[in-house]
C-alpha cells in the first residue's frame, strides 16, 4: 500500500499534468470554418473573403473552391476573440460559418 506522501506526490503530479494540459489547450488557435451553402454565389463568397480578411483574389478564390468542392474550408486561424469577430461578420454577410479550437 502506498504511503500518504507518495499518494500526495502522485495526486500533485496528476494535478500538474492536468493544469499543463489545460494551459496548452488555452494557447491553441481557433479556426473559422466557412461551410458550403445552396444560397450564396461563388463570386459573392470570393468577394466576402477578400473584403473580410483582405485576401488576394487568388487566395479568396482558392478558399471558395475548397468550400464548394469539399463542403468547408478553414478561412482564419487565431485568437478566440478574433475568430468570434470574424464569424459574426461572416454571418452578417449571410455565410454559414463556425469556430472551433485547433486540436478539439
PDB file of N, CA and C in Angstrom:
ATOM      1  N   UNK A   1       0.845  -1.178   0.000  1.00  0.00           N
ATOM      2  CA  UNK A   1       0.000   0.000   0.000  1.00  0.00           C
ATOM      3  C   UNK A   1       0.893   1.245   0.000  1.00  0.00           C
ATOM      4  N   UNK A   2       0.634   2.229  -0.875  1.00  0.00           N
ATOM      5  CA  UNK A   2       1.494   3.402  -0.939  1.00  0.00           C
ATOM      6  C   UNK A   2       1.346   4.261   0.309  1.00  0.00           C
ATOM      7  N   UNK A   3       2.442   4.925   0.647  1.00  0.00           N
ATOM      8  CA  UNK A   3       2.398   5.818   1.804  1.00  0.00           C
ATOM      9  C   UNK A   3       1.622   7.080   1.443  1.00  0.00           C
ATOM     10  N   UNK A   4       1.246   7.851   2.503  1.00  0.00           N
ATOM     11  CA  UNK A   4       0.487   9.088   2.275  1.00  0.00           C
ATOM     12  C   UNK A   4       1.295  10.078   1.455  1.00  0.00           C
ATOM     13  N   UNK A   5       2.602  10.120   1.668  1.00  0.00           N
ATOM     14  CA  UNK A   5       3.455  11.059   0.940  1.00  0.00           C
ATOM     15  C   UNK A   5       3.481  10.720  -0.545  1.00  0.00           C
ATOM     16  N   UNK A   6       3.596   9.444  -0.867  1.00  0.00           N
ATOM     17  CA  UNK A   6       3.639   9.096  -2.287  1.00  0.00           C
ATOM     18  C   UNK A   6       2.287   9.285  -2.953  1.00  0.00           C
ATOM     19  N   UNK A   7       1.202   9.056  -2.210  1.00  0.00           N
ATOM     20  CA  UNK A   7      -0.130   9.304  -2.769  1.00  0.00           C
ATOM     21  C   UNK A   7      -0.315  10.789  -3.036  1.00  0.00           C
ATOM     22  N   UNK A   8       0.178  11.637  -2.140  1.00  0.00           N
ATOM     23  CA  UNK A   8       0.091  13.078  -2.335  1.00  0.00           C
ATOM     24  C   UNK A   8       0.939  13.501  -3.522  1.00  0.00           C
ATOM     25  N   UNK A   9       2.143  12.934  -3.613  1.00  0.00           N
ATOM     26  CA  UNK A   9       3.003  13.256  -4.746  1.00  0.00           C
ATOM     27  C   UNK A   9       2.332  12.857  -6.049  1.00  0.00           C
ATOM     28  N   UNK A  10       1.719  11.705  -6.085  1.00  0.00           N
ATOM     29  CA  UNK A  10       1.050  11.244  -7.287  1.00  0.00           C
ATOM     30  C   UNK A  10      -0.105  12.173  -7.648  1.00  0.00           C
ATOM     31  N   UNK A  11      -0.887  12.565  -6.649  1.00  0.00           N
ATOM     32  CA  UNK A  11      -2.007  13.479  -6.891  1.00  0.00           C
ATOM     33  C   UNK A  11      -1.485  14.828  -7.397  1.00  0.00           C
ATOM     34  N   UNK A  12      -0.414  15.311  -6.798  1.00  0.00           N
ATOM     35  CA  UNK A  12       0.166  16.587  -7.237  1.00  0.00           C
ATOM     36  C   UNK A  12       0.654  16.482  -8.680  1.00  0.00           C
ATOM     37  N   UNK A  13       1.288  15.346  -8.993  1.00  0.00           N
ATOM     38  CA  UNK A  13       1.760  15.143 -10.372  1.00  0.00           C
ATOM     39  C   UNK A  13       0.594  15.136 -11.351  1.00  0.00           C
ATOM     40  N   UNK A  14      -0.491  14.469 -10.974  1.00  0.00           N
ATOM     41  CA  UNK A  14      -1.665  14.424 -11.844  1.00  0.00           C
ATOM     42  C   UNK A  14      -2.275  15.808 -12.006  1.00  0.00           C
ATOM     43  N   UNK A  15      -2.365  16.564 -10.911  1.00  0.00           N
ATOM     44  CA  UNK A  15      -2.913  17.921 -10.992  1.00  0.00           C
ATOM     45  C   UNK A  15      -2.041  18.811 -11.860  1.00  0.00           C
ATOM     46  N   UNK A  16      -0.715  18.656 -11.749  1.00  0.00           N
ATOM     47  CA  UNK A  16       0.205  19.439 -12.571  1.00  0.00           C
ATOM     48  C   UNK A  16       0.030  19.078 -14.043  1.00  0.00           C
ATOM     49  N   UNK A  17      -0.069  17.780 -14.336  1.00  0.00           N
ATOM     50  CA  UNK A  17      -0.282  17.349 -15.722  1.00  0.00           C
ATOM     51  C   UNK A  17      -1.589  17.919 -16.272  1.00  0.00           C
ATOM     52  N   UNK A  18      -2.642  17.892 -15.466  1.00  0.00           N
ATOM     53  CA  UNK A  18      -3.936  18.429 -15.890  1.00  0.00           C
ATOM     54  C   UNK A  18      -3.844  19.927 -16.131  1.00  0.00           C
ATOM     55  N   UNK A  19      -3.168  20.638 -15.230  1.00  0.00           N
ATOM     56  CA  UNK A  19      -3.011  22.086 -15.392  1.00  0.00           C
ATOM     57  C   UNK A  19      -2.215  22.404 -16.653  1.00  0.00           C
ATOM     58  N   UNK A  20      -1.181  21.628 -16.933  1.00  0.00           N
ATOM     59  CA  UNK A  20      -0.392  21.850 -18.138  1.00  0.00           C
ATOM     60  C   UNK A  20      -1.213  21.573 -19.390  1.00  0.00           C
ATOM     61  N   UNK A  21      -2.027  20.516 -19.355  1.00  0.00           N
ATOM     62  CA  UNK A  21      -2.896  20.215 -20.495  1.00  0.00           C
ATOM     63  C   UNK A  21      -3.873  21.348 -20.747  1.00  0.00           C
ATOM     64  N   UNK A  22      -4.487  21.885 -19.681  1.00  0.00           N
ATOM     65  CA  UNK A  22      -5.435  22.983 -19.822  1.00  0.00           C
ATOM     66  C   UNK A  22      -4.743  24.241 -20.338  1.00  0.00           C
ATOM     67  N   UNK A  23      -3.541  24.491 -19.829  1.00  0.00           N
ATOM     68  CA  UNK A  23      -2.784  25.670 -20.263  1.00  0.00           C
ATOM     69  C   UNK A  23      -2.430  25.559 -21.737  1.00  0.00           C
ATOM     70  N   UNK A  24      -2.012  24.383 -22.156  1.00  0.00           N
ATOM     71  CA  UNK A  24      -1.674  24.160 -23.557  1.00  0.00           C
ATOM     72  C   UNK A  24      -2.904  24.334 -24.432  1.00  0.00           C
ATOM     73  N   UNK A  25      -4.041  23.811 -23.972  1.00  0.00           N
ATOM     74  CA  UNK A  25      -5.285  23.944 -24.738  1.00  0.00           C
ATOM     75  C   UNK A  25      -5.699  25.397 -24.880  1.00  0.00           C
ATOM     76  N   UNK A  26      -5.497  26.178 -23.833  1.00  0.00           N
ATOM     77  CA  UNK A  26      -5.878  27.589 -23.890  1.00  0.00           C
ATOM     78  C   UNK A  26      -5.069  28.344 -24.931  1.00  0.00           C
ATOM     79  N   UNK A  27      -3.860  27.876 -25.217  1.00  0.00           N
ATOM     80  CA  UNK A  27      -2.994  28.561 -26.165  1.00  0.00           C
ATOM     81  C   UNK A  27      -3.182  28.101 -27.611  1.00  0.00           C
ATOM     82  N   UNK A  28      -4.005  27.094 -27.830  1.00  0.00           N
ATOM     83  CA  UNK A  28      -4.230  26.618 -29.188  1.00  0.00           C
ATOM     84  C   UNK A  28      -5.065  27.646 -29.957  1.00  0.00           C
ATOM     85  N   UNK A  29      -4.762  27.830 -31.232  1.00  0.00           N
ATOM     86  CA  UNK A  29      -5.534  28.804 -32.020  1.00  0.00           C
ATOM     87  C   UNK A  29      -6.958  28.314 -32.287  1.00  0.00           C
ATOM     88  N   UNK A  30      -7.809  29.252 -32.638  1.00  0.00           N
ATOM     89  CA  UNK A  30      -9.194  28.980 -33.021  1.00  0.00           C
ATOM     90  C   UNK A  30      -9.318  29.150 -34.523  1.00  0.00           C
ATOM     91  N   UNK A  31     -10.084  28.276 -35.134  1.00  0.00           N
ATOM     92  CA  UNK A  31     -10.264  28.307 -36.584  1.00  0.00           C
ATOM     93  C   UNK A  31     -11.677  28.755 -36.933  1.00  0.00           C
ATOM     94  N   UNK A  32     -11.778  29.573 -37.980  1.00  0.00           N
ATOM     95  CA  UNK A  32     -13.078  29.948 -38.544  1.00  0.00           C
ATOM     96  C   UNK A  32     -13.293  29.080 -39.775  1.00  0.00           C
ATOM     97  N   UNK A  33     -14.402  28.376 -39.791  1.00  0.00           N
ATOM     98  CA  UNK A  33     -14.719  27.462 -40.889  1.00  0.00           C
ATOM     99  C   UNK A  33     -15.940  27.997 -41.624  1.00  0.00           C
ATOM    100  N   UNK A  34     -15.795  28.135 -42.936  1.00  0.00           N
ATOM    101  CA  UNK A  34     -16.935  28.509 -43.790  1.00  0.00           C
ATOM    102  C   UNK A  34     -17.462  27.227 -44.420  1.00  0.00           C
ATOM    103  N   UNK A  35     -18.767  27.069 -44.372  1.00  0.00           N
ATOM    104  CA  UNK A  35     -19.444  25.873 -44.886  1.00  0.00           C
ATOM    105  C   UNK A  35     -20.155  26.192 -46.202  1.00  0.00           C
ATOM    106  N   UNK A  36     -20.221  25.186 -47.044  1.00  0.00           N
ATOM    107  CA  UNK A  36     -20.931  25.328 -48.315  1.00  0.00           C
ATOM    108  C   UNK A  36     -22.424  25.514 -48.033  1.00  0.00           C
ATOM    109  N   UNK A  37     -23.043  26.326 -48.840  1.00  0.00           N
ATOM    110  CA  UNK A  37     -24.489  26.516 -48.719  1.00  0.00           C
ATOM    111  C   UNK A  37     -25.081  26.626 -50.125  1.00  0.00           C
ATOM    112  N   UNK A  38     -26.367  26.368 -50.231  1.00  0.00           N
ATOM    113  CA  UNK A  38     -27.003  26.398 -51.547  1.00  0.00           C
ATOM    114  C   UNK A  38     -27.469  27.789 -51.972  1.00  0.00           C
ATOM    115  N   UNK A  39     -27.129  28.819 -51.213  1.00  0.00           N
ATOM    116  CA  UNK A  39     -27.696  30.145 -51.439  1.00  0.00           C
ATOM    117  C   UNK A  39     -26.709  31.105 -52.107  1.00  0.00           C
ATOM    118  N   UNK A  40     -25.508  31.224 -51.549  1.00  0.00           N
ATOM    119  CA  UNK A  40     -24.578  32.256 -51.996  1.00  0.00           C
ATOM    120  C   UNK A  40     -23.818  31.866 -53.260  1.00  0.00           C
ATOM    121  N   UNK A  41     -23.699  32.817 -54.157  1.00  0.00           N
ATOM    122  CA  UNK A  41     -22.932  32.605 -55.382  1.00  0.00           C
ATOM    123  C   UNK A  41     -21.446  32.503 -55.055  1.00  0.00           C
ATOM    124  N   UNK A  42     -20.716  31.726 -55.859  1.00  0.00           N
ATOM    125  CA  UNK A  42     -19.284  31.568 -55.638  1.00  0.00           C
ATOM    126  C   UNK A  42     -18.567  32.911 -55.727  1.00  0.00           C
ATOM    127  N   UNK A  43     -18.979  33.766 -56.656  1.00  0.00           N
ATOM    128  CA  UNK A  43     -18.350  35.081 -56.788  1.00  0.00           C
ATOM    129  C   UNK A  43     -18.572  35.930 -55.533  1.00  0.00           C
ATOM    130  N   UNK A  44     -19.745  35.782 -54.907  1.00  0.00           N
ATOM    131  CA  UNK A  44     -20.024  36.532 -53.681  1.00  0.00           C
ATOM    132  C   UNK A  44     -19.160  36.036 -52.528  1.00  0.00           C
ATOM    133  N   UNK A  45     -19.006  34.727 -52.391  1.00  0.00           N
ATOM    134  CA  UNK A  45     -18.165  34.165 -51.330  1.00  0.00           C
ATOM    135  C   UNK A  45     -16.725  34.652 -51.509  1.00  0.00           C
ATOM    136  N   UNK A  46     -16.241  34.663 -52.739  1.00  0.00           N
ATOM    137  CA  UNK A  46     -14.896  35.174 -53.012  1.00  0.00           C
ATOM    138  C   UNK A  46     -14.790  36.636 -52.599  1.00  0.00           C
ATOM    139  N   UNK A  47     -15.786  37.421 -52.949  1.00  0.00           N
ATOM    140  CA  UNK A  47     -15.804  38.842 -52.592  1.00  0.00           C
ATOM    141  C   UNK A  47     -15.761  39.026 -51.070  1.00  0.00           C
ATOM    142  N   UNK A  48     -16.577  38.257 -50.344  1.00  0.00           N
ATOM    143  CA  UNK A  48     -16.615  38.367 -48.887  1.00  0.00           C
ATOM    144  C   UNK A  48     -15.257  38.019 -48.284  1.00  0.00           C
ATOM    145  N   UNK A  49     -14.629  36.961 -48.756  1.00  0.00           N
ATOM    146  CA  UNK A  49     -13.325  36.555 -48.219  1.00  0.00           C
ATOM    147  C   UNK A  49     -12.265  37.623 -48.487  1.00  0.00           C
ATOM    148  N   UNK A  50     -12.331  38.240 -49.670  1.00  0.00           N
ATOM    149  CA  UNK A  50     -11.391  39.331 -49.986  1.00  0.00           C
ATOM    150  C   UNK A  50     -11.636  40.525 -49.070  1.00  0.00           C
ATOM    151  N   UNK A  51     -12.895  40.873 -48.884  1.00  0.00           N
ATOM    152  CA  UNK A  51     -13.259  42.053 -48.101  1.00  0.00           C
ATOM    153  C   UNK A  51     -13.022  41.836 -46.607  1.00  0.00           C
ATOM    154  N   UNK A  52     -13.474  40.719 -46.080  1.00  0.00           N
ATOM    155  CA  UNK A  52     -13.395  40.462 -44.638  1.00  0.00           C
ATOM    156  C   UNK A  52     -11.966  40.209 -44.165  1.00  0.00           C
ATOM    157  N   UNK A  53     -11.191  39.464 -44.960  1.00  0.00           N
ATOM    158  CA  UNK A  53      -9.866  39.057 -44.499  1.00  0.00           C
ATOM    159  C   UNK A  53      -8.725  39.753 -45.233  1.00  0.00           C
ATOM    160  N   UNK A  54      -9.055  40.489 -46.290  1.00  0.00           N
ATOM    161  CA  UNK A  54      -8.011  41.146 -47.059  1.00  0.00           C
ATOM    162  C   UNK A  54      -7.205  40.195 -47.923  1.00  0.00           C
ATOM    163  N   UNK A  55      -7.780  39.036 -48.234  1.00  0.00           N
ATOM    164  CA  UNK A  55      -7.088  38.053 -49.061  1.00  0.00           C
ATOM    165  C   UNK A  55      -7.014  38.537 -50.505  1.00  0.00           C
ATOM    166  N   UNK A  56      -5.978  38.064 -51.189  1.00  0.00           N
ATOM    167  CA  UNK A  56      -5.870  38.332 -52.622  1.00  0.00           C
ATOM    168  C   UNK A  56      -7.010  37.603 -53.335  1.00  0.00           C
ATOM    169  N   UNK A  57      -7.263  38.007 -54.560  1.00  0.00           N
ATOM    170  CA  UNK A  57      -8.301  37.342 -55.347  1.00  0.00           C
ATOM    171  C   UNK A  57      -7.984  35.858 -55.485  1.00  0.00           C
ATOM    172  N   UNK A  58      -6.725  35.526 -55.700  1.00  0.00           N
ATOM    173  CA  UNK A  58      -6.320  34.129 -55.875  1.00  0.00           C
ATOM    174  C   UNK A  58      -6.568  33.319 -54.606  1.00  0.00           C
ATOM    175  N   UNK A  59      -6.165  33.862 -53.449  1.00  0.00           N
ATOM    176  CA  UNK A  59      -6.352  33.159 -52.173  1.00  0.00           C
ATOM    177  C   UNK A  59      -7.840  33.002 -51.868  1.00  0.00           C
ATOM    178  N   UNK A  60      -8.611  34.058 -52.055  1.00  0.00           N
ATOM    179  CA  UNK A  60     -10.050  34.006 -51.798  1.00  0.00           C
ATOM    180  C   UNK A  60     -10.723  32.988 -52.715  1.00  0.00           C
ATOM    181  N   UNK A  61     -10.314  32.959 -53.988  1.00  0.00           N
ATOM    182  CA  UNK A  61     -10.879  32.004 -54.949  1.00  0.00           C
ATOM    183  C   UNK A  61     -10.529  30.570 -54.546  1.00  0.00           C
ATOM    184  N   UNK A  62      -9.290  30.362 -54.129  1.00  0.00           N
ATOM    185  CA  UNK A  62      -8.854  29.024 -53.702  1.00  0.00           C
ATOM    186  C   UNK A  62      -9.696  28.542 -52.511  1.00  0.00           C
ATOM    187  N   UNK A  63      -9.900  29.398 -51.519  1.00  0.00           N
ATOM    188  CA  UNK A  63     -10.702  29.018 -50.355  1.00  0.00           C
ATOM    189  C   UNK A  63     -12.161  28.780 -50.741  1.00  0.00           C
ATOM    190  N   UNK A  64     -12.705  29.627 -51.608  1.00  0.00           N
ATOM    191  CA  UNK A  64     -14.083  29.451 -52.071  1.00  0.00           C
ATOM    192  C   UNK A  64     -14.237  28.108 -52.783  1.00  0.00           C
ATOM    193  N   UNK A  65     -13.265  27.749 -53.610  1.00  0.00           N
ATOM    194  CA  UNK A  65     -13.335  26.466 -54.320  1.00  0.00           C
ATOM    195  C   UNK A  65     -13.245  25.290 -53.354  1.00  0.00           C
ATOM    196  N   UNK A  66     -12.470  25.450 -52.293  1.00  0.00           N
ATOM    197  CA  UNK A  66     -12.390  24.394 -51.282  1.00  0.00           C
ATOM    198  C   UNK A  66     -13.748  24.242 -50.587  1.00  0.00           C
ATOM    199  N   UNK A  67     -14.379  25.341 -50.271  1.00  0.00           N
ATOM    200  CA  UNK A  67     -15.726  25.298 -49.684  1.00  0.00           C
ATOM    201  C   UNK A  67     -16.676  24.596 -50.653  1.00  0.00           C
ATOM    202  N   UNK A  68     -16.608  24.969 -51.909  1.00  0.00           N
ATOM    203  CA  UNK A  68     -17.517  24.428 -52.927  1.00  0.00           C
ATOM    204  C   UNK A  68     -17.302  22.928 -53.162  1.00  0.00           C
ATOM    205  N   UNK A  69     -16.050  22.498 -53.228  1.00  0.00           N
ATOM    206  CA  UNK A  69     -15.768  21.098 -53.569  1.00  0.00           C
ATOM    207  C   UNK A  69     -15.707  20.165 -52.365  1.00  0.00           C
ATOM    208  N   UNK A  70     -15.231  20.685 -51.220  1.00  0.00           N
ATOM    209  CA  UNK A  70     -15.069  19.830 -50.040  1.00  0.00           C
ATOM    210  C   UNK A  70     -16.139  20.065 -48.976  1.00  0.00           C
ATOM    211  N   UNK A  71     -16.953  21.091 -49.166  1.00  0.00           N
ATOM    212  CA  UNK A  71     -18.027  21.361 -48.227  1.00  0.00           C
ATOM    213  C   UNK A  71     -17.677  22.347 -47.130  1.00  0.00           C
ATOM    214  N   UNK A  72     -16.381  22.620 -46.958  1.00  0.00           N
ATOM    215  CA  UNK A  72     -15.956  23.572 -45.941  1.00  0.00           C
ATOM    216  C   UNK A  72     -14.504  23.937 -46.167  1.00  0.00           C
ATOM    217  N   UNK A  73     -14.091  25.042 -45.537  1.00  0.00           N
ATOM    218  CA  UNK A  73     -12.699  25.465 -45.580  1.00  0.00           C
ATOM    219  C   UNK A  73     -12.402  26.298 -44.344  1.00  0.00           C
ATOM    220  N   UNK A  74     -11.215  26.124 -43.808  1.00  0.00           N
ATOM    221  CA  UNK A  74     -10.740  26.977 -42.721  1.00  0.00           C
ATOM    222  C   UNK A  74     -10.223  28.257 -43.356  1.00  0.00           C
ATOM    223  N   UNK A  75     -10.852  29.369 -43.007  1.00  0.00           N
ATOM    224  CA  UNK A  75     -10.507  30.638 -43.648  1.00  0.00           C
ATOM    225  C   UNK A  75      -9.716  31.568 -42.737  1.00  0.00           C
ATOM    226  N   UNK A  76      -9.609  31.204 -41.444  1.00  0.00           N
ATOM    227  CA  UNK A  76      -8.871  32.036 -40.494  1.00  0.00           C
ATOM    228  C   UNK A  76      -8.456  31.179 -39.314  1.00  0.00           C
ATOM    229  N   UNK A  77      -7.304  31.507 -38.748  1.00  0.00           N
ATOM    230  CA  UNK A  77      -6.837  30.864 -37.527  1.00  0.00           C
ATOM    231  C   UNK A  77      -6.185  31.929 -36.657  1.00  0.00           C
ATOM    232  N   UNK A  78      -6.593  31.985 -35.397  1.00  0.00           N
ATOM    233  CA  UNK A  78      -6.036  32.982 -34.494  1.00  0.00           C
ATOM    234  C   UNK A  78      -6.687  32.907 -33.131  1.00  0.00           C
ATOM    235  N   UNK A  79      -6.726  34.026 -32.435  1.00  0.00           N
ATOM    236  CA  UNK A  79      -7.287  34.063 -31.086  1.00  0.00           C
ATOM    237  C   UNK A  79      -8.798  33.812 -31.132  1.00  0.00           C
ATOM    238  N   UNK A  80      -9.322  33.405 -29.988  1.00  0.00           N
ATOM    239  CA  UNK A  80     -10.762  33.141 -29.905  1.00  0.00           C
ATOM    240  C   UNK A  80     -11.561  34.407 -30.192  1.00  0.00           C
ATOM    241  N   UNK A  81     -11.097  35.539 -29.655  1.00  0.00           N
ATOM    242  CA  UNK A  81     -11.820  36.799 -29.853  1.00  0.00           C
ATOM    243  C   UNK A  81     -11.863  37.187 -31.332  1.00  0.00           C
ATOM    244  N   UNK A  82     -10.733  37.058 -32.017  1.00  0.00           N
ATOM    245  CA  UNK A  82     -10.700  37.374 -33.452  1.00  0.00           C
ATOM    246  C   UNK A  82     -11.589  36.422 -34.237  1.00  0.00           C
ATOM    247  N   UNK A  83     -11.526  35.131 -33.892  1.00  0.00           N
ATOM    248  CA  UNK A  83     -12.345  34.134 -34.586  1.00  0.00           C
ATOM    249  C   UNK A  83     -13.827  34.418 -34.388  1.00  0.00           C
ATOM    250  N   UNK A  84     -14.219  34.779 -33.171  1.00  0.00           N
ATOM    251  CA  UNK A  84     -15.624  35.116 -32.919  1.00  0.00           C
ATOM    252  C   UNK A  84     -16.054  36.346 -33.712  1.00  0.00           C
ATOM    253  N   UNK A  85     -15.180  37.342 -33.761  1.00  0.00           N
ATOM    254  CA  UNK A  85     -15.486  38.570 -34.504  1.00  0.00           C
ATOM    255  C   UNK A  85     -15.673  38.268 -35.994  1.00  0.00           C
ATOM    256  N   UNK A  86     -14.746  37.487 -36.559  1.00  0.00           N
ATOM    257  CA  UNK A  86     -14.850  37.140 -37.983  1.00  0.00           C
ATOM    258  C   UNK A  86     -16.100  36.287 -38.260  1.00  0.00           C
ATOM    259  N   UNK A  87     -16.399  35.364 -37.371  1.00  0.00           N
ATOM    260  CA  UNK A  87     -17.570  34.504 -37.562  1.00  0.00           C
ATOM    261  C   UNK A  87     -18.848  35.332 -37.553  1.00  0.00           C
ATOM    262  N   UNK A  88     -18.941  36.261 -36.626  1.00  0.00           N
ATOM    263  CA  UNK A  88     -20.108  37.149 -36.571  1.00  0.00           C
ATOM    264  C   UNK A  88     -20.211  37.976 -37.846  1.00  0.00           C
ATOM    265  N   UNK A  89     -19.090  38.491 -38.309  1.00  0.00           N
ATOM    266  CA  UNK A  89     -19.091  39.284 -39.546  1.00  0.00           C
ATOM    267  C   UNK A  89     -19.524  38.421 -40.737  1.00  0.00           C
ATOM    268  N   UNK A  90     -19.032  37.192 -40.815  1.00  0.00           N
ATOM    269  CA  UNK A  90     -19.418  36.304 -41.920  1.00  0.00           C
ATOM    270  C   UNK A  90     -20.919  36.016 -41.875  1.00  0.00           C
ATOM    271  N   UNK A  91     -21.473  35.877 -40.677  1.00  0.00           N
ATOM    272  CA  UNK A  91     -22.921  35.686 -40.545  1.00  0.00           C
ATOM    273  C   UNK A  91     -23.665  36.914 -41.064  1.00  0.00           C
ATOM    274  N   UNK A  92     -23.119  38.093 -40.776  1.00  0.00           N
ATOM    275  CA  UNK A  92     -23.733  39.330 -41.267  1.00  0.00           C
ATOM    276  C   UNK A  92     -23.757  39.351 -42.793  1.00  0.00           C
ATOM    277  N   UNK A  93     -22.704  38.814 -43.408  1.00  0.00           N
ATOM    278  CA  UNK A  93     -22.647  38.714 -44.874  1.00  0.00           C
ATOM    279  C   UNK A  93     -23.600  37.639 -45.399  1.00  0.00           C
ATOM    280  N   UNK A  94     -24.110  36.778 -44.521  1.00  0.00           N
ATOM    281  CA  UNK A  94     -25.017  35.712 -44.945  1.00  0.00           C
ATOM    282  C   UNK A  94     -24.344  34.380 -45.196  1.00  0.00           C
ATOM    283  N   UNK A  95     -23.076  34.253 -44.776  1.00  0.00           N
ATOM    284  CA  UNK A  95     -22.372  32.974 -44.953  1.00  0.00           C
ATOM    285  C   UNK A  95     -22.561  32.096 -43.725  1.00  0.00           C
ATOM    286  N   UNK A  96     -22.480  30.792 -43.952  1.00  0.00           N
ATOM    287  CA  UNK A  96     -22.519  29.843 -42.851  1.00  0.00           C
ATOM    288  C   UNK A  96     -21.097  29.665 -42.350  1.00  0.00           C
ATOM    289  N   UNK A  97     -20.856  29.993 -41.087  1.00  0.00           N
ATOM    290  CA  UNK A  97     -19.511  29.904 -40.523  1.00  0.00           C
ATOM    291  C   UNK A  97     -19.586  29.469 -39.066  1.00  0.00           C
ATOM    292  N   UNK A  98     -18.575  28.727 -38.647  1.00  0.00           N
ATOM    293  CA  UNK A  98     -18.467  28.290 -37.255  1.00  0.00           C
ATOM    294  C   UNK A  98     -17.024  28.470 -36.815  1.00  0.00           C
ATOM    295  N   UNK A  99     -16.816  28.366 -35.491  1.00  0.00           N
ATOM    296  CA  UNK A  99     -15.448  28.379 -34.979  1.00  0.00           C
ATOM    297  C   UNK A  99     -15.209  27.098 -34.195  1.00  0.00           C
ATOM    298  N   UNK A 100     -13.960  26.675 -34.171  1.00  0.00           N
ATOM    299  CA  UNK A 100     -13.569  25.545 -33.336  1.00  0.00           C
ATOM    300  C   UNK A 100     -12.101  25.711 -32.971  1.00  0.00           C
ATOM    301  N   UNK A 101     -11.746  25.169 -31.814  1.00  0.00           N
ATOM    302  CA  UNK A 101     -10.361  25.262 -31.385  1.00  0.00           C
ATOM    303  C   UNK A 101      -9.554  24.163 -32.041  1.00  0.00           C
ATOM    304  N   UNK A 102      -8.362  24.526 -32.485  1.00  0.00           N
ATOM    305  CA  UNK A 102      -7.467  23.553 -33.118  1.00  0.00           C
ATOM    306  C   UNK A 102      -7.232  22.395 -32.155  1.00  0.00           C
ATOM    307  N   UNK A 103      -7.232  21.199 -32.686  1.00  0.00           N
ATOM    308  CA  UNK A 103      -6.993  20.023 -31.869  1.00  0.00           C
ATOM    309  C   UNK A 103      -8.205  19.563 -31.081  1.00  0.00           C
ATOM    310  N   UNK A 104      -9.312  20.246 -31.216  1.00  0.00           N
ATOM    311  CA  UNK A 104     -10.508  19.870 -30.441  1.00  0.00           C
ATOM    312  C   UNK A 104     -11.262  18.753 -31.107  1.00  0.00           C
TER     313      UNK A 104
END
